[in-house]
Amino acid sequence: MLYFDHNATSPLHPAARQAWLDATERFIGNPSSLHRVGARADAALSEAREKLAAFLGCHALDLVFTSGATESANTVFHHAARTLPPDAEVWLSAIEHPCVIEAARYHFPKRHRLIPVTRDGVVDLDWLAKKLKRARPGLLAVMAVNNETGVIQPTREALALCRAHGIPFFCDAVQAIGKLPAAGLGDCDWASGSAHKFGGPRGVGFLKCPAKGRVAPLLRGGMQEEGRRAGTENVPGVLAMVAALNAREQAARAGAQVSNLRVQFEHQLLKALPGSAIIAAESPRVWNTVLALMPEADCRTRWVVKLDKLGVAVSTGSACASGKEEPSPVLTAMGYSPVEAARALRFSAGWESTEADWHQLLAALVQAHREMQPAPRSRRL
């Protein structure tokens, strides 16, 4: 099976698998236990925390290990709901991942505002700068890379605006980590990551927290993670996550080289399938992601099913929104109509995807398009 859905989840990296197996055998104790077996597990966890902090550029004690991005995002808004003034708003970009938007809606049902984006899928910094002159939210969230379009968002500029106005800043960095260097993410007040998006195991992630002040825990119980997240830490999962990130950080530096494969594919797609279009073609994007409007067919789901039968796995957009008939909120925010959004397919390559894989994807798209064309009617005599 040719796999072009890495933005949904990425296969386990060999280094992560080996790290998980080693940790499962070597660190069998609970890190909170006082005996030597527990102390060894705690030491391994601390070493992994130091390594992750070095990648992000923050202090190790700023990091909390979680089950993934969804828990991390919910923790941020749970904390905000319990620490901000009762009339405070939270602002977030209109193209945030569902785990961020839904958490904001739940904790701030009438006090959240969506920051608009341009037609190119980039957060509108001019709008934001003007609004911040008249109002100040209690928290502002802008993702690093959009999971559907692959557009790299101006998080540094948004963070600078937040610093100038004394506003805490949250960055969902899930789709950036492993594709772009992680350095600088530690400057954010809050930043989240999820291991399975870059070759680590499912069910483990992290949340970078503010350096000062206590965090209102989402999960209550024991005093693990300095009282910020109850529950026995997943030592093998954490070590596997850090091993995967170590491997991906090396590849992230070669992003410009592999992005050429994406660019070549886009040019060839537009030539091979008239009526197709690349969404956010002029915006800065990560090297692995293409969101394309396909030539008209019954529906985009038909494209996915047809390609699956041809041995190629692709997506209609956010995997967390699969099974829904509503148009993509990301494309709606960018100004695309429901009819246009219904033609969108996402192709997200992996670190090991080759030029031949991109060519095979294109060939499958051409064949699928051919097979979906209505059969010519026979003329009656």
Protein backbone atom coordinates (compact mmCIF):
# COMPACT_ATOMS: atom_id res chain seq x y z
CA MET A 1 0.00 0.00 0.00
CA LEU A 2 1.36 3.42 -0.98
CA TYR A 3 0.80 5.61 2.08
CA PHE A 4 0.20 9.34 1.60
CA ASP A 5 -1.63 10.10 4.83
CA HIS A 6 1.22 10.87 7.23
CA ASN A 7 -0.52 13.99 8.56
CA ALA A 8 -3.13 11.66 10.07
CA THR A 9 -0.55 9.33 11.59
CA SER A 10 2.93 8.19 10.67
CA PRO A 11 4.32 4.66 10.93
CA LEU A 12 6.56 3.89 13.87
CA HIS A 13 10.17 4.82 13.20
CA PRO A 14 12.64 1.93 13.73
CA ALA A 15 14.56 3.99 16.31
CA ALA A 16 11.34 4.60 18.24
CA ARG A 17 10.41 0.94 18.13
CA GLN A 18 13.82 -0.08 19.45
CA ALA A 19 13.73 2.56 22.17
CA TRP A 20 10.29 1.35 23.25
CA LEU A 21 11.38 -2.29 23.38
CA ASP A 22 14.55 -1.44 25.32
CA ALA A 23 12.66 0.72 27.80
CA THR A 24 10.00 -1.93 28.33
CA GLU A 25 12.69 -4.39 29.38
CA ARG A 26 15.02 -2.05 31.29
CA PHE A 27 12.67 0.37 33.06
CA ILE A 28 9.94 -1.76 34.56
CA GLY A 29 9.40 0.35 37.66
CA ASN A 30 6.98 3.17 38.40
CA PRO A 31 8.94 6.46 38.25
CA SER A 32 7.22 7.56 41.46
CA SER A 33 8.41 4.54 43.45
CA LEU A 34 11.20 5.08 45.97
CA HIS A 35 13.12 1.87 45.33
CA ARG A 36 16.03 1.59 42.89
CA VAL A 37 13.91 0.08 40.12
CA GLY A 38 11.60 3.10 40.27
CA ALA A 39 14.56 5.47 40.52
CA ARG A 40 16.03 4.07 37.30
CA ALA A 41 12.74 4.67 35.48
CA ASP A 42 12.58 8.19 36.89
CA ALA A 43 16.15 8.88 35.76
CA ALA A 44 15.35 7.69 32.22
CA LEU A 45 12.27 9.92 32.17
CA SER A 46 14.29 12.91 33.36
CA GLU A 47 16.92 12.33 30.68
CA ALA A 48 14.24 12.19 27.99
CA ARG A 49 12.73 15.42 29.34
CA GLU A 50 16.13 17.12 29.10
CA LYS A 51 16.58 15.97 25.51
CA LEU A 52 13.13 17.18 24.48
CA ALA A 53 13.73 20.52 26.19
CA ALA A 54 16.99 20.92 24.25
CA PHE A 55 15.13 20.43 20.95
CA LEU A 56 12.46 22.98 21.86
CA GLY A 57 14.72 25.48 23.60
CA CYS A 58 13.10 25.55 27.03
CA HIS A 59 13.75 24.31 30.56
CA ALA A 60 13.08 20.63 31.19
CA LEU A 61 10.73 21.45 34.06
CA ASP A 62 8.50 23.37 31.63
CA LEU A 63 7.49 20.08 29.99
CA VAL A 64 4.59 17.83 30.91
CA PHE A 65 4.19 14.45 29.25
CA THR A 66 0.62 13.79 28.11
CA SER A 67 -1.31 11.26 26.05
CA GLY A 68 -1.15 13.50 22.97
CA ALA A 69 -2.27 16.75 21.40
CA THR A 70 -5.93 16.49 22.38
CA GLU A 71 -5.18 16.16 26.07
CA SER A 72 -2.60 18.93 25.83
CA ALA A 73 -5.02 21.37 24.17
CA ASN A 74 -7.76 20.56 26.66
CA THR A 75 -5.33 21.16 29.51
CA VAL A 76 -4.50 24.63 28.18
CA PHE A 77 -8.12 25.77 27.98
CA HIS A 78 -9.04 24.01 31.22
CA HIS A 79 -6.27 25.98 32.91
CA ALA A 80 -7.36 29.22 31.24
CA ALA A 81 -10.98 28.75 32.29
CA ARG A 82 -9.91 28.42 35.93
CA THR A 83 -7.34 31.19 36.08
CA LEU A 84 -8.54 33.98 33.77
CA PRO A 85 -11.06 36.65 34.84
CA PRO A 86 -14.71 35.62 34.29
CA ASP A 87 -15.13 38.05 31.40
CA ALA A 88 -11.88 37.19 29.59
CA GLU A 89 -11.99 36.01 25.99
CA VAL A 90 -9.75 33.53 24.17
CA TRP A 91 -8.82 34.13 20.55
CA LEU A 92 -7.76 31.40 18.16
CA SER A 93 -7.22 31.16 14.45
CA ALA A 94 -10.18 29.99 12.39
CA ILE A 95 -8.10 27.10 11.01
CA GLU A 96 -7.08 25.48 14.29
CA HIS A 97 -7.29 21.72 14.69
CA PRO A 98 -10.62 20.43 16.09
CA CYS A 99 -8.98 19.53 19.43
CA VAL A 100 -8.15 23.22 19.94
CA ILE A 101 -11.40 24.70 18.63
CA GLU A 102 -13.65 22.27 20.50
CA ALA A 103 -11.73 22.72 23.75
CA ALA A 104 -12.10 26.50 23.43
CA ARG A 105 -15.81 26.20 22.66
CA TYR A 106 -16.36 23.95 25.66
CA HIS A 107 -14.53 26.06 28.23
CA PHE A 108 -15.38 29.47 26.69
CA PRO A 109 -18.72 28.88 24.93
CA LYS A 110 -19.56 32.56 24.59
CA ARG A 111 -16.09 34.02 25.04
CA HIS A 112 -14.04 32.76 22.12
CA ARG A 113 -13.25 34.65 18.94
CA LEU A 114 -11.90 33.24 15.67
CA ILE A 115 -9.02 35.08 14.03
CA PRO A 116 -9.64 35.20 10.25
CA VAL A 117 -7.23 33.91 7.65
CA THR A 118 -6.45 35.05 4.14
CA ARG A 119 -7.48 33.24 0.96
CA ASP A 120 -3.97 31.76 1.02
CA GLY A 121 -4.64 30.14 4.41
CA VAL A 122 -2.41 32.42 6.49
CA VAL A 123 -3.53 34.02 9.76
CA ASP A 124 -4.44 37.66 9.10
CA LEU A 125 -1.85 39.49 11.18
CA ASP A 126 -3.12 42.92 10.08
CA TRP A 127 -6.58 42.10 11.47
CA LEU A 128 -5.00 40.79 14.65
CA ALA A 129 -2.79 43.84 15.18
CA LYS A 130 -5.75 46.20 14.72
CA LYS A 131 -8.01 44.26 17.09
CA LEU A 132 -5.31 44.07 19.77
CA LYS A 133 -5.21 47.86 19.89
CA ARG A 134 -8.80 47.83 21.18
CA ALA A 135 -9.12 44.56 23.08
CA ARG A 136 -6.92 42.10 24.93
CA PRO A 137 -7.80 38.40 25.14
CA GLY A 138 -6.72 36.26 28.06
CA LEU A 139 -5.15 33.70 25.72
CA LEU A 140 -4.32 33.60 22.02
CA ALA A 141 -3.77 30.41 19.97
CA VAL A 142 -2.19 30.06 16.53
CA MET A 143 -1.01 26.71 15.20
CA ALA A 144 2.45 26.31 13.68
CA VAL A 145 1.42 24.39 10.55
CA ASN A 146 -2.09 23.70 9.34
CA ASN A 147 -2.87 20.01 9.18
CA GLU A 148 -4.95 20.25 5.98
CA THR A 149 -3.15 22.80 3.82
CA GLY A 150 0.37 22.42 5.20
CA VAL A 151 0.65 26.22 5.37
CA ILE A 152 3.32 27.44 7.79
CA GLN A 153 1.71 30.05 10.03
CA PRO A 154 3.42 33.26 11.22
CA THR A 155 3.68 32.11 14.82
CA ARG A 156 6.77 34.16 15.60
CA GLU A 157 4.99 37.34 14.52
CA ALA A 158 1.86 36.36 16.46
CA LEU A 159 3.99 35.60 19.51
CA ALA A 160 5.66 39.01 19.22
CA LEU A 161 2.24 40.71 19.18
CA CYS A 162 1.26 38.73 22.26
CA ARG A 163 4.47 39.70 24.05
CA ALA A 164 3.87 43.36 23.24
CA HIS A 165 0.38 43.19 24.79
CA GLY A 166 1.11 40.83 27.67
CA ILE A 167 -1.02 37.96 26.30
CA PRO A 168 -0.23 34.25 26.88
CA PHE A 169 0.38 32.43 23.60
CA PHE A 170 -0.48 28.81 22.75
CA CYS A 171 0.96 27.06 19.70
CA ASP A 172 -0.32 23.69 18.48
CA ALA A 173 2.94 22.49 16.92
CA VAL A 174 1.76 18.98 16.07
CA GLN A 175 2.19 19.21 12.30
CA ALA A 176 5.42 21.21 12.50
CA ILE A 177 7.48 18.97 14.76
CA GLY A 178 9.61 16.60 12.73
CA LYS A 179 8.98 18.52 9.51
CA LEU A 180 10.54 21.79 10.65
CA PRO A 181 13.26 22.31 13.26
CA ALA A 182 11.72 22.40 16.74
CA ALA A 183 14.03 25.16 17.98
CA GLY A 184 12.12 28.22 19.13
CA LEU A 185 8.92 26.46 20.16
CA GLY A 186 10.09 26.77 23.74
CA ASP A 187 9.59 30.53 23.49
CA CYS A 188 5.82 30.00 23.47
CA ASP A 189 3.98 30.05 26.78
CA TRP A 190 2.23 26.85 25.73
CA ALA A 191 3.14 24.42 22.91
CA SER A 192 1.87 20.94 22.19
CA GLY A 193 3.17 17.94 20.28
CA SER A 194 2.04 14.39 19.53
CA ALA A 195 4.48 11.52 18.98
CA HIS A 196 2.57 9.56 16.36
CA LYS A 197 2.69 12.46 13.92
CA PHE A 198 6.47 12.12 13.51
CA GLY A 199 7.12 8.40 13.90
CA GLY A 200 6.66 7.91 17.63
CA PRO A 201 4.05 5.66 19.25
CA ARG A 202 0.39 6.58 19.58
CA GLY A 203 -0.89 7.71 22.95
CA VAL A 204 1.99 9.92 24.05
CA GLY A 205 2.77 13.60 23.59
CA PHE A 206 3.83 16.68 25.51
CA LEU A 207 2.76 20.11 26.62
CA LYS A 208 5.27 22.90 27.11
CA CYS A 209 3.94 25.04 29.98
CA PRO A 210 4.73 28.57 31.18
CA ALA A 211 7.95 28.76 33.14
CA LYS A 212 6.27 30.56 36.04
CA GLY A 213 3.05 29.86 37.89
CA ARG A 214 1.11 26.69 38.60
CA VAL A 215 -0.90 24.75 36.03
CA ALA A 216 -4.47 23.73 36.86
CA PRO A 217 -4.37 20.00 36.09
CA LEU A 218 -6.96 18.50 33.75
CA LEU A 219 -6.37 15.02 35.21
CA ARG A 220 -6.44 14.72 38.99
CA GLY A 221 -5.04 11.99 41.17
CA GLY A 222 -1.39 11.60 42.05
CA MET A 223 1.25 14.30 42.00
CA GLN A 224 3.08 13.13 38.90
CA GLU A 225 4.56 15.73 36.51
CA GLU A 226 5.02 18.21 39.38
CA GLY A 227 1.30 18.07 40.13
CA ARG A 228 0.35 19.17 36.60
CA ARG A 229 -0.84 15.85 35.21
CA ALA A 230 -1.90 12.87 37.33
CA GLY A 231 -1.22 9.32 36.21
CA THR A 232 1.79 7.04 35.96
CA GLU A 233 4.09 8.28 33.21
CA ASN A 234 4.43 6.20 30.04
CA VAL A 235 8.20 5.77 30.23
CA PRO A 236 8.63 3.52 27.13
CA GLY A 237 6.34 5.80 25.12
CA VAL A 238 8.20 8.93 26.14
CA LEU A 239 11.60 7.43 25.34
CA ALA A 240 10.31 6.22 21.97
CA MET A 241 8.89 9.68 21.22
CA VAL A 242 12.22 11.37 21.93
CA ALA A 243 14.07 8.79 19.83
CA ALA A 244 11.74 9.47 16.90
CA LEU A 245 12.16 13.22 17.27
CA ASN A 246 15.92 12.85 17.34
CA ALA A 247 15.77 11.06 13.98
CA ARG A 248 13.30 13.53 12.48
CA GLU A 249 15.22 16.59 13.61
CA GLN A 250 18.08 15.49 11.38
CA ALA A 251 15.69 15.08 8.46
CA ALA A 252 14.01 18.43 9.14
CA ARG A 253 17.18 20.20 8.12
CA ALA A 254 16.83 18.66 4.66
CA GLY A 255 13.30 19.98 4.20
CA ALA A 256 14.18 22.25 1.26
CA GLN A 257 15.53 19.29 -0.68
CA VAL A 258 12.51 17.03 -0.23
CA SER A 259 10.08 19.90 -0.85
CA ASN A 260 11.23 19.82 -4.48
CA LEU A 261 9.44 16.49 -4.84
CA ARG A 262 6.20 18.10 -3.69
CA VAL A 263 6.64 21.00 -6.11
CA GLN A 264 7.32 18.68 -9.03
CA PHE A 265 4.26 16.62 -8.18
CA GLU A 266 2.04 19.70 -8.08
CA HIS A 267 3.19 20.85 -11.52
CA GLN A 268 2.63 17.39 -12.97
CA LEU A 269 -0.79 17.06 -11.33
CA LEU A 270 -2.05 20.31 -12.84
CA LYS A 271 -0.90 19.18 -16.30
CA ALA A 272 -2.24 15.64 -16.03
CA LEU A 273 -5.66 16.53 -14.60
CA PRO A 274 -7.15 19.71 -16.10
CA GLY A 275 -9.59 21.27 -13.68
CA SER A 276 -7.46 20.53 -10.63
CA ALA A 277 -5.93 23.25 -8.46
CA ILE A 278 -3.48 23.50 -5.57
CA ILE A 279 -4.85 25.18 -2.45
CA ALA A 280 -2.56 27.80 -0.88
CA ALA A 281 -0.10 27.31 -3.73
CA GLU A 282 1.63 30.63 -3.09
CA SER A 283 1.93 30.26 0.69
CA PRO A 284 4.94 28.84 2.53
CA ARG A 285 4.15 25.19 3.20
CA VAL A 286 5.84 22.18 4.73
CA TRP A 287 7.53 19.85 2.29
CA ASN A 288 5.17 16.92 2.62
CA THR A 289 1.63 18.31 2.26
CA VAL A 290 -0.51 18.98 -0.82
CA LEU A 291 -4.17 19.95 -0.57
CA ALA A 292 -5.68 19.86 -4.05
CA LEU A 293 -9.05 20.56 -5.59
CA MET A 294 -9.68 17.60 -7.85
CA PRO A 295 -11.65 17.61 -11.10
CA GLU A 296 -15.35 17.32 -10.40
CA ALA A 297 -16.66 13.87 -9.51
CA ASP A 298 -19.58 12.54 -7.48
CA CYS A 299 -17.76 13.37 -4.25
CA ARG A 300 -14.27 13.42 -2.80
CA THR A 301 -14.99 10.27 -0.79
CA ARG A 302 -15.31 8.47 -4.10
CA TRP A 303 -11.75 9.55 -4.91
CA VAL A 304 -10.49 8.08 -1.61
CA VAL A 305 -12.30 4.78 -2.16
CA LYS A 306 -11.12 4.50 -5.75
CA LEU A 307 -7.52 5.27 -4.82
CA ASP A 308 -7.69 2.77 -1.96
CA LYS A 309 -8.65 0.07 -4.45
CA LEU A 310 -5.64 1.10 -6.51
CA GLY A 311 -3.39 0.65 -3.48
CA VAL A 312 -2.96 4.29 -2.45
CA ALA A 313 -4.04 5.80 0.89
CA VAL A 314 -4.92 9.52 0.89
CA SER A 315 -7.27 11.72 2.90
CA THR A 316 -10.10 14.20 2.41
CA GLY A 317 -8.52 16.52 4.99
CA SER A 318 -8.45 16.30 8.77
CA ALA A 319 -8.63 12.68 9.90
CA CYS A 320 -10.46 13.87 13.03
CA ALA A 321 -13.34 15.07 10.85
CA SER A 322 -13.75 11.88 8.83
CA GLY A 323 -17.28 10.68 8.30
CA LYS A 324 -18.74 14.19 8.38
CA GLU A 325 -20.57 15.69 5.43
CA GLU A 326 -19.97 19.31 6.44
CA PRO A 327 -17.39 21.23 4.41
CA SER A 328 -13.95 21.64 5.93
CA PRO A 329 -13.92 24.54 8.42
CA VAL A 330 -10.39 25.30 7.20
CA LEU A 331 -11.50 25.73 3.59
CA THR A 332 -14.61 27.62 4.68
CA ALA A 333 -12.41 30.04 6.63
CA MET A 334 -10.28 30.50 3.51
CA GLY A 335 -13.35 31.48 1.49
CA TYR A 336 -13.96 28.28 -0.45
CA SER A 337 -17.55 27.31 -1.15
CA PRO A 338 -19.00 23.97 0.03
CA VAL A 339 -18.98 22.78 -3.58
CA GLU A 340 -15.31 23.60 -3.95
CA ALA A 341 -14.44 22.11 -0.56
CA ALA A 342 -16.11 18.86 -1.57
CA ARG A 343 -13.42 18.42 -4.25
CA ALA A 344 -10.46 18.63 -1.85
CA LEU A 345 -8.01 15.78 -1.33
CA ARG A 346 -4.96 15.85 0.92
CA PHE A 347 -1.73 14.07 0.07
CA SER A 348 0.79 13.97 2.91
CA ALA A 349 4.07 12.21 2.27
CA GLY A 350 6.44 10.73 4.80
CA TRP A 351 10.12 11.16 5.47
CA GLU A 352 10.92 8.00 3.55
CA SER A 353 8.65 8.78 0.57
CA THR A 354 10.65 8.69 -2.67
CA GLU A 355 10.36 10.39 -6.03
CA ALA A 356 9.04 7.09 -7.38
CA ASP A 357 6.28 7.17 -4.74
CA TRP A 358 5.17 10.63 -5.87
CA HIS A 359 5.12 9.41 -9.48
CA GLN A 360 3.08 6.37 -8.47
CA LEU A 361 0.61 8.62 -6.65
CA LEU A 362 0.17 10.74 -9.77
CA ALA A 363 -0.35 7.66 -11.94
CA ALA A 364 -3.01 6.38 -9.55
CA LEU A 365 -4.81 9.72 -9.62
CA VAL A 366 -4.86 9.74 -13.41
CA GLN A 367 -6.17 6.17 -13.48
CA ALA A 368 -8.81 6.88 -10.83
CA HIS A 369 -9.99 9.92 -12.76
CA ARG A 370 -10.22 7.89 -15.92
CA GLU A 371 -12.23 5.15 -14.23
CA MET A 372 -14.64 7.66 -12.70
CA GLN A 373 -15.59 9.16 -16.04
CA PRO A 374 -19.13 8.22 -17.17
CA ALA A 375 -19.24 5.59 -19.89
CA PRO A 376 -20.22 6.99 -23.30
CA ARG A 377 -23.81 6.39 -24.23
CA SER A 378 -24.47 4.05 -27.12
CA ARG A 379 -26.44 5.61 -29.94
CA ARG A 380 -29.64 3.94 -30.98
CA LEU A 381 -30.17 3.17 -34.63
